[in-house]
């Protein structure tokens, strides 16, 4: 089997089986993923199960040609679900190293959460000492970035539906929030007040969230990750510029359910119509967003899925041509999964040079931005690569929202 033989159009949902399929295709003897005190969320994603409180280093070995196994400390070994892979318990360091040697001793190439020269921080989860330890047992260590994406980041049909639930809710909430601001502008609501309003809407809509949202008025929208805080947030006035970035996922029905997040950003003008400069910047951002999606769509339909950096570059060229290149200060987009910033390919030729392929079955955001000192514009939409090509899952903003405040 060669790497080209794997079915990039199939759905995920079987991480251990999918990992073995990828390892066989790539000529890698096994994948060793390790966690210690929840420093590596890839461990649970690869296992496909939530585990109770683990207090010592724990290892999951997925060989390409045999059954997965777990190496866990004696005090933690009983915390795994009954249907987990076979567990070997260790008590001291010598026993742990002996267990690891039994796993990888005959392997020539092992994948781990390692990124050469720290090129992809989202992949580089394992410290240098751990890499040195496994290398001392014999195998060559290679990056697990591609096997992570193939085995843990492709959405199941159920996860796709959970994403549609979330993105539909976010689309409705952001529109309702703009309306709410216009209707209540006389009450001198702050950015934090609006963020609290959105969080209340999230809860009533059946969504959960880890942090956010970002509600940024005027120059605060120039900060890509602005977060309004009580006592420091600006009052939203009758005249000005507003950016809202919101993300959440459907509340789970069972403890092991990993629903998929949605993440969108919209901009609005309060009071008078947008200025010529605001319209120019919005048009440049929207054009960059659409150019990125067009490249992704064309390449996927041609059967030549692009790498993450190529899509970022397509958007960056549009903004550079418009004269705003130095104000585009972040990557184009990120992997979208259970975590809103997930572990698959990022659309990035700025913060990193992401050479992972955007494979079918995964989701990403497309969110270029221009951040001038006086205001910032970002337009973010979610994209899923399905069997028929890329699909924009929510609404695409084509015009600046006008909020009447008179």
Protein backbone atom coordinates (compact mmCIF):
# COMPACT_ATOMS: atom_id res chain seq x y z
CA UNK A 1 0.00 0.00 0.00
CA UNK A 2 1.24 3.52 -0.79
CA UNK A 3 0.21 6.88 0.64
CA UNK A 4 -1.83 7.58 -2.48
CA UNK A 5 -3.97 4.51 -1.79
CA UNK A 6 -5.72 5.87 1.31
CA UNK A 7 -9.24 7.16 0.82
CA UNK A 8 -9.12 10.89 1.55
CA UNK A 9 -12.84 11.11 0.75
CA UNK A 10 -13.93 8.80 3.55
CA UNK A 11 -15.33 9.97 6.87
CA UNK A 12 -13.41 9.73 10.11
CA UNK A 13 -14.63 8.51 13.48
CA UNK A 14 -12.43 5.43 13.97
CA UNK A 15 -9.17 7.03 15.12
CA UNK A 16 -7.26 3.87 16.04
CA UNK A 17 -8.21 2.07 12.81
CA UNK A 18 -7.65 5.19 10.73
CA UNK A 19 -4.24 5.73 12.31
CA UNK A 20 -3.14 2.21 11.43
CA UNK A 21 -4.37 2.65 7.87
CA UNK A 22 -2.36 5.84 7.49
CA UNK A 23 0.77 4.38 9.11
CA UNK A 24 0.73 1.42 6.74
CA UNK A 25 0.31 3.74 3.76
CA UNK A 26 3.13 6.04 4.89
CA UNK A 27 5.59 3.28 5.77
CA UNK A 28 5.70 4.24 9.46
CA UNK A 29 5.98 1.38 11.96
CA UNK A 30 3.85 2.98 14.65
CA UNK A 31 2.55 6.08 16.37
CA UNK A 32 3.51 6.71 20.00
CA UNK A 33 1.44 9.44 21.59
CA UNK A 34 2.05 10.46 25.19
CA UNK A 35 0.22 12.64 27.69
CA UNK A 36 1.16 14.00 31.07
CA UNK A 37 -1.34 16.02 33.09
CA UNK A 38 -3.38 16.98 30.02
CA UNK A 39 -0.53 18.62 28.11
CA UNK A 40 -1.37 16.70 24.93
CA UNK A 41 -5.05 16.64 23.85
CA UNK A 42 -4.03 14.49 20.87
CA UNK A 43 -3.76 11.53 23.26
CA UNK A 44 -7.49 11.38 24.04
CA UNK A 45 -8.40 12.24 20.43
CA UNK A 46 -6.34 9.29 19.19
CA UNK A 47 -7.75 6.99 21.85
CA UNK A 48 -11.26 8.12 20.92
CA UNK A 49 -12.35 8.08 24.56
CA UNK A 50 -12.38 10.36 27.56
CA UNK A 51 -10.32 9.11 30.47
CA UNK A 52 -10.52 9.91 34.15
CA UNK A 53 -7.96 11.95 36.06
CA UNK A 54 -4.46 10.75 35.08
CA UNK A 55 -1.58 11.79 37.32
CA UNK A 56 1.45 10.08 35.72
CA UNK A 57 2.84 9.85 32.15
CA UNK A 58 0.64 7.68 29.96
CA UNK A 59 1.49 6.27 26.54
CA UNK A 60 -0.61 4.98 23.64
CA UNK A 61 1.22 2.79 21.11
CA UNK A 62 -0.50 2.28 17.77
CA UNK A 63 1.58 -0.12 15.65
CA UNK A 64 0.89 -0.25 11.94
CA UNK A 65 0.56 -4.04 11.93
CA UNK A 66 -0.79 -4.97 15.36
CA UNK A 67 -3.29 -3.98 18.03
CA UNK A 68 -2.91 -0.70 19.98
CA UNK A 69 -1.66 -0.85 23.57
CA UNK A 70 -1.52 1.50 26.55
CA UNK A 71 1.29 1.94 29.07
CA UNK A 72 0.03 3.59 32.27
CA UNK A 73 1.15 3.92 35.87
CA UNK A 74 -0.33 1.52 38.41
CA UNK A 75 -2.23 4.32 40.16
CA UNK A 76 -3.90 5.34 36.88
CA UNK A 77 -4.41 2.08 35.01
CA UNK A 78 -7.90 1.44 36.44
CA UNK A 79 -9.21 4.79 35.18
CA UNK A 80 -9.55 3.74 31.54
CA UNK A 81 -12.90 2.60 30.10
CA UNK A 82 -13.39 -1.16 29.91
CA UNK A 83 -13.22 -1.24 26.11
CA UNK A 84 -9.84 0.51 25.92
CA UNK A 85 -6.81 -1.15 24.30
CA UNK A 86 -4.79 -3.61 26.38
CA UNK A 87 -3.12 -1.86 29.33
CA UNK A 88 0.35 -2.58 30.71
CA UNK A 89 0.91 -1.07 34.14
CA UNK A 90 4.27 0.23 35.36
CA UNK A 91 5.32 1.23 38.85
CA UNK A 92 8.72 2.89 38.52
CA UNK A 93 10.81 4.53 35.83
CA UNK A 94 12.76 1.40 34.94
CA UNK A 95 9.48 -0.46 34.36
CA UNK A 96 8.17 2.42 32.23
CA UNK A 97 11.27 2.37 30.02
CA UNK A 98 11.06 -1.42 29.73
CA UNK A 99 7.44 -1.06 28.62
CA UNK A 100 8.37 1.54 26.04
CA UNK A 101 11.18 -0.65 24.73
CA UNK A 102 8.71 -3.50 24.32
CA UNK A 103 6.53 -1.16 22.25
CA UNK A 104 9.12 0.45 19.96
CA UNK A 105 12.23 -1.69 20.29
CA UNK A 106 11.78 -3.40 16.91
CA UNK A 107 10.45 -0.34 15.07
CA UNK A 108 12.65 1.62 12.68
CA UNK A 109 10.34 4.65 12.27
CA UNK A 110 7.93 5.99 14.91
CA UNK A 111 5.62 9.02 14.68
CA UNK A 112 5.31 11.33 17.67
CA UNK A 113 3.96 14.82 18.39
CA UNK A 114 7.20 16.34 17.15
CA UNK A 115 7.75 19.10 14.61
CA UNK A 116 11.28 19.52 13.26
CA UNK A 117 12.67 22.95 14.21
CA UNK A 118 9.25 23.65 15.83
CA UNK A 119 7.80 24.52 12.42
CA UNK A 120 4.25 23.58 13.44
CA UNK A 121 3.61 24.46 17.11
CA UNK A 122 0.22 22.73 17.09
CA UNK A 123 1.97 19.44 16.31
CA UNK A 124 4.98 19.90 18.63
CA UNK A 125 3.44 18.63 21.89
CA UNK A 126 6.29 16.43 23.14
CA UNK A 127 9.36 17.83 24.92
CA UNK A 128 12.90 17.26 23.68
CA UNK A 129 13.71 14.94 26.56
CA UNK A 130 10.91 12.56 25.61
CA UNK A 131 12.14 12.53 22.01
CA UNK A 132 15.65 11.76 23.26
CA UNK A 133 14.32 8.91 25.39
CA UNK A 134 12.49 7.20 22.51
CA UNK A 135 15.41 7.74 20.12
CA UNK A 136 17.67 6.03 22.67
CA UNK A 137 15.51 2.92 22.30
CA UNK A 138 16.35 2.68 18.60
CA UNK A 139 13.74 4.15 16.24
CA UNK A 140 13.87 7.23 14.05
CA UNK A 141 11.29 9.81 15.18
CA UNK A 142 9.10 11.47 12.55
CA UNK A 143 6.29 14.00 12.89
CA UNK A 144 2.79 12.72 13.61
CA UNK A 145 1.16 15.80 12.03
CA UNK A 146 -0.34 13.98 9.05
CA UNK A 147 -1.49 10.92 10.98
CA UNK A 148 -3.12 13.20 13.59
CA UNK A 149 -5.10 14.93 10.87
CA UNK A 150 -6.15 11.75 9.09
CA UNK A 151 -7.14 9.82 12.22
CA UNK A 152 -8.58 12.49 14.53
CA UNK A 153 -9.63 15.54 12.49
CA UNK A 154 -11.93 14.18 9.77
CA UNK A 155 -15.54 14.72 10.75
CA UNK A 156 -18.10 11.94 11.00
CA UNK A 157 -21.57 12.54 9.51
CA UNK A 158 -22.87 13.12 13.04
CA UNK A 159 -20.15 15.65 13.74
CA UNK A 160 -20.93 17.45 10.49
CA UNK A 161 -24.53 17.82 11.61
CA UNK A 162 -23.40 19.12 14.99
CA UNK A 163 -21.35 21.76 13.19
CA UNK A 164 -24.33 22.81 11.08
CA UNK A 165 -26.33 23.17 14.29
CA UNK A 166 -23.65 25.42 15.77
CA UNK A 167 -22.99 27.58 12.72
CA UNK A 168 -26.70 28.14 12.10
CA UNK A 169 -27.06 29.27 15.71
CA UNK A 170 -24.07 31.61 15.46
CA UNK A 171 -25.37 33.15 12.23
CA UNK A 172 -28.69 33.89 13.93
CA UNK A 173 -27.08 35.17 17.12
CA UNK A 174 -24.73 37.64 15.42
CA UNK A 175 -27.59 39.11 13.38
CA UNK A 176 -29.81 39.33 16.45
CA UNK A 177 -26.99 40.97 18.39
CA UNK A 178 -26.52 43.71 15.81
CA UNK A 179 -30.25 44.37 15.99
CA UNK A 180 -30.19 44.35 19.80
CA UNK A 181 -27.41 46.94 19.85
CA UNK A 182 -29.33 49.28 17.55
CA UNK A 183 -32.50 48.96 19.60
CA UNK A 184 -30.71 49.57 22.92
CA UNK A 185 -28.01 52.06 21.97
CA UNK A 186 -29.38 54.69 24.39
CA UNK A 187 -28.48 52.50 27.39
CA UNK A 188 -24.72 53.01 26.88
CA UNK A 189 -24.01 49.29 26.65
CA UNK A 190 -20.35 48.30 26.82
CA UNK A 191 -18.51 45.72 24.74
CA UNK A 192 -18.57 43.45 27.79
CA UNK A 193 -22.34 43.88 28.15
CA UNK A 194 -22.77 42.69 24.57
CA UNK A 195 -20.41 39.77 25.14
CA UNK A 196 -22.55 38.74 28.13
CA UNK A 197 -25.67 39.07 25.98
CA UNK A 198 -24.12 36.73 23.40
CA UNK A 199 -23.13 34.19 26.05
CA UNK A 200 -26.72 34.16 27.28
CA UNK A 201 -27.90 33.54 23.73
CA UNK A 202 -25.37 30.71 23.41
CA UNK A 203 -26.76 28.96 26.46
CA UNK A 204 -30.38 29.30 25.34
CA UNK A 205 -29.45 28.00 21.88
CA UNK A 206 -27.92 24.80 23.30
CA UNK A 207 -24.30 25.79 22.78
CA UNK A 208 -21.20 25.51 24.96
CA UNK A 209 -18.05 27.61 24.71
CA UNK A 210 -14.57 27.68 26.21
CA UNK A 211 -13.97 31.45 26.05
CA UNK A 212 -14.99 34.56 24.11
CA UNK A 213 -16.73 36.07 22.28
CA UNK A 214 -14.81 39.12 21.05
CA UNK A 215 -16.86 42.31 20.81
CA UNK A 216 -14.62 45.15 19.61
CA UNK A 217 -15.65 48.77 19.04
CA UNK A 218 -13.65 51.25 16.94
CA UNK A 219 -9.89 50.98 17.59
CA UNK A 220 -10.37 47.85 19.71
CA UNK A 221 -11.21 46.03 16.47
CA UNK A 222 -7.56 46.61 15.46
CA UNK A 223 -6.58 43.93 17.99
CA UNK A 224 -7.26 40.53 16.36
CA UNK A 225 -7.76 38.87 19.77
CA UNK A 226 -9.39 41.68 21.72
CA UNK A 227 -11.40 40.49 24.72
CA UNK A 228 -13.66 42.97 26.56
CA UNK A 229 -13.28 42.94 30.33
CA UNK A 230 -15.56 44.44 33.01
CA UNK A 231 -14.51 47.94 33.94
CA UNK A 232 -12.25 48.27 30.90
CA UNK A 233 -14.63 47.71 27.99
CA UNK A 234 -15.61 50.61 25.76
CA UNK A 235 -19.15 51.94 25.56
CA UNK A 236 -20.69 51.27 22.16
CA UNK A 237 -21.66 54.71 20.83
CA UNK A 238 -24.16 55.78 18.21
CA UNK A 239 -21.40 56.31 15.66
CA UNK A 240 -18.56 53.87 15.06
CA UNK A 241 -17.22 50.55 13.84
CA UNK A 242 -17.99 47.17 15.41
CA UNK A 243 -16.41 43.72 14.98
CA UNK A 244 -17.91 40.59 16.57
CA UNK A 245 -16.08 37.26 16.56
CA UNK A 246 -18.00 34.37 18.15
CA UNK A 247 -17.40 30.65 18.43
CA UNK A 248 -19.12 27.74 20.17
CA UNK A 249 -20.23 24.13 19.71
CA UNK A 250 -23.38 22.12 20.39
CA UNK A 251 -23.71 20.89 23.97
CA UNK A 252 -22.93 17.16 24.16
CA UNK A 253 -25.61 14.59 24.90
CA UNK A 254 -23.10 12.02 26.23
CA UNK A 255 -19.70 12.45 27.94
CA UNK A 256 -17.75 11.05 24.97
CA UNK A 257 -19.51 13.12 22.31
CA UNK A 258 -17.09 15.40 20.46
CA UNK A 259 -19.24 17.92 18.63
CA UNK A 260 -17.64 20.27 16.13
CA UNK A 261 -17.21 23.99 16.79
CA UNK A 262 -18.30 26.86 14.57
CA UNK A 263 -16.38 30.15 14.38
CA UNK A 264 -17.49 33.30 12.52
CA UNK A 265 -16.61 37.00 12.42
CA UNK A 266 -18.79 39.87 11.13
CA UNK A 267 -18.35 43.64 11.02
CA UNK A 268 -20.87 46.47 11.21
CA UNK A 269 -21.09 50.26 10.99
CA UNK A 270 -23.18 52.19 13.50
CA UNK A 271 -24.78 55.50 12.58
CA UNK A 272 -23.69 56.98 9.27
CA UNK A 273 -22.92 54.71 6.30
CA UNK A 274 -19.37 53.32 6.08
CA UNK A 275 -16.67 55.74 5.02
CA UNK A 276 -14.87 55.24 1.72
CA UNK A 277 -11.84 53.89 3.64
CA UNK A 278 -13.94 51.44 5.64
CA UNK A 279 -15.61 50.18 2.47
CA UNK A 280 -12.26 49.85 0.68
CA UNK A 281 -10.76 47.81 3.50
CA UNK A 282 -13.85 45.60 3.80
CA UNK A 283 -13.79 44.95 0.05
CA UNK A 284 -10.11 43.98 0.18
CA UNK A 285 -10.73 41.55 3.05
CA UNK A 286 -13.79 40.01 1.38
CA UNK A 287 -11.86 39.70 -1.88
CA UNK A 288 -9.00 37.93 -0.12
CA UNK A 289 -11.44 35.58 1.60
CA UNK A 290 -13.16 34.70 -1.67
CA UNK A 291 -9.87 34.26 -3.56
CA UNK A 292 -8.73 31.77 -0.93
CA UNK A 293 -11.94 29.78 -1.17
CA UNK A 294 -11.81 29.82 -4.97
CA UNK A 295 -8.28 28.39 -4.98
CA UNK A 296 -9.29 25.69 -2.50
CA UNK A 297 -12.41 24.80 -4.47
CA UNK A 298 -10.66 24.67 -7.85
CA UNK A 299 -7.77 22.58 -6.62
CA UNK A 300 -9.97 20.09 -4.76
CA UNK A 301 -12.27 19.65 -7.75
CA UNK A 302 -9.18 19.05 -9.91
CA UNK A 303 -8.12 16.28 -7.53
CA UNK A 304 -5.06 18.22 -6.37
CA UNK A 305 -5.86 19.29 -2.81
CA UNK A 306 -3.62 22.23 -1.85
CA UNK A 307 -1.38 22.56 1.17
CA UNK A 308 -2.32 25.01 3.89
CA UNK A 309 0.32 27.59 3.00
CA UNK A 310 -0.88 27.86 -0.60
CA UNK A 311 -4.35 29.03 0.40
CA UNK A 312 -2.94 31.61 2.80
CA UNK A 313 -0.68 32.91 0.04
CA UNK A 314 -3.65 33.39 -2.32
CA UNK A 315 -5.42 35.61 0.22
CA UNK A 316 -2.27 37.51 1.14
CA UNK A 317 -1.59 38.44 -2.49
CA UNK A 318 -5.00 40.13 -2.74
CA UNK A 319 -4.43 42.22 0.37
CA UNK A 320 -0.87 43.09 -0.62
CA UNK A 321 -2.09 44.23 -4.04
CA UNK A 322 -4.64 46.47 -2.31
CA UNK A 323 -1.79 48.12 -0.39
CA UNK A 324 -2.59 46.75 3.07
CA UNK A 325 -0.13 43.86 3.33
CA UNK A 326 1.60 45.11 6.48
CA UNK A 327 -1.75 45.25 8.27
CA UNK A 328 -2.54 41.56 7.64
CA UNK A 329 -0.83 40.22 10.75
CA UNK A 330 -2.05 36.65 11.21
CA UNK A 331 -2.56 33.44 9.24
CA UNK A 332 -5.55 33.05 6.97
CA UNK A 333 -7.30 30.33 8.94
CA UNK A 334 -7.09 27.41 11.33
CA UNK A 335 -8.15 23.82 11.67
CA UNK A 336 -11.70 23.53 12.98
CA UNK A 337 -12.78 20.62 15.15
CA UNK A 338 -13.99 19.88 18.66
CA UNK A 339 -11.57 22.54 19.81
CA UNK A 340 -12.23 25.69 17.86
CA UNK A 341 -8.49 25.79 17.09
CA UNK A 342 -7.96 22.14 16.35
CA UNK A 343 -5.04 19.90 15.38
CA UNK A 344 -5.34 19.58 11.61
CA UNK A 345 -3.86 21.73 8.88
CA UNK A 346 -3.84 25.50 9.32
CA UNK A 347 -4.12 27.83 6.33
CA UNK A 348 -0.82 29.49 7.09
CA UNK A 349 2.14 30.93 5.21
CA UNK A 350 2.77 33.67 7.78
CA UNK A 351 3.11 32.38 11.33
CA UNK A 352 4.28 29.02 9.97
CA UNK A 353 4.69 27.42 6.56
CA UNK A 354 2.09 24.66 6.87
CA UNK A 355 2.83 21.98 4.29
CA UNK A 356 0.08 19.62 5.42
CA UNK A 357 -2.51 18.91 2.75
CA UNK A 358 -6.09 20.11 3.26
CA UNK A 359 -7.65 16.66 2.97
CA UNK A 360 -11.29 15.85 2.43
CA UNK A 361 -13.27 15.29 5.59
CA UNK A 362 -11.75 18.18 7.58
CA UNK A 363 -12.99 21.66 8.41
CA UNK A 364 -11.10 24.96 8.38
CA UNK A 365 -11.82 28.64 8.86
CA UNK A 366 -11.07 31.27 6.21
CA UNK A 367 -10.63 34.62 7.98
CA UNK A 368 -8.31 37.23 6.45
CA UNK A 369 -8.05 40.58 8.20
CA UNK A 370 -6.72 44.11 7.88
CA UNK A 371 -6.00 45.95 11.15
CA UNK A 372 -5.44 49.69 10.80
CA UNK A 373 -4.78 51.76 13.95
CA UNK A 374 -8.27 53.27 13.87
CA UNK A 375 -10.29 50.14 12.99
CA UNK A 376 -9.92 46.54 11.90
CA UNK A 377 -11.83 44.29 9.50
CA UNK A 378 -11.96 40.50 9.57
CA UNK A 379 -14.41 38.34 7.65
CA UNK A 380 -14.53 34.75 8.85
CA UNK A 381 -16.43 31.79 7.49
CA UNK A 382 -16.24 28.04 8.07
CA UNK A 383 -15.51 25.55 5.29
CA UNK A 384 -15.97 21.78 5.24
CA UNK A 385 -14.33 19.57 2.62
CA UNK A 386 -17.00 17.02 1.79
CA UNK A 387 -17.41 14.38 -0.89
CA UNK A 388 -18.48 17.01 -3.44
CA UNK A 389 -15.76 19.52 -2.64
CA UNK A 390 -15.46 22.46 -0.23
CA UNK A 391 -18.65 23.86 1.26
CA UNK A 392 -19.16 27.15 3.07
CA UNK A 393 -21.27 25.93 5.98
CA UNK A 394 -22.75 29.22 7.16
CA UNK A 395 -23.52 32.64 5.75
CA UNK A 396 -20.85 34.62 3.91
CA UNK A 397 -20.83 38.36 4.71
CA UNK A 398 -20.95 40.33 1.46
CA UNK A 399 -21.86 43.78 2.78
CA UNK A 400 -21.03 45.79 5.88
CA UNK A 401 -23.95 45.51 8.30
CA UNK A 402 -25.59 48.90 8.86
CA UNK A 403 -26.88 49.48 12.42
CA UNK A 404 -29.37 52.33 12.61
CA UNK A 405 -28.98 54.33 15.82
CA UNK A 406 -31.17 57.39 15.29
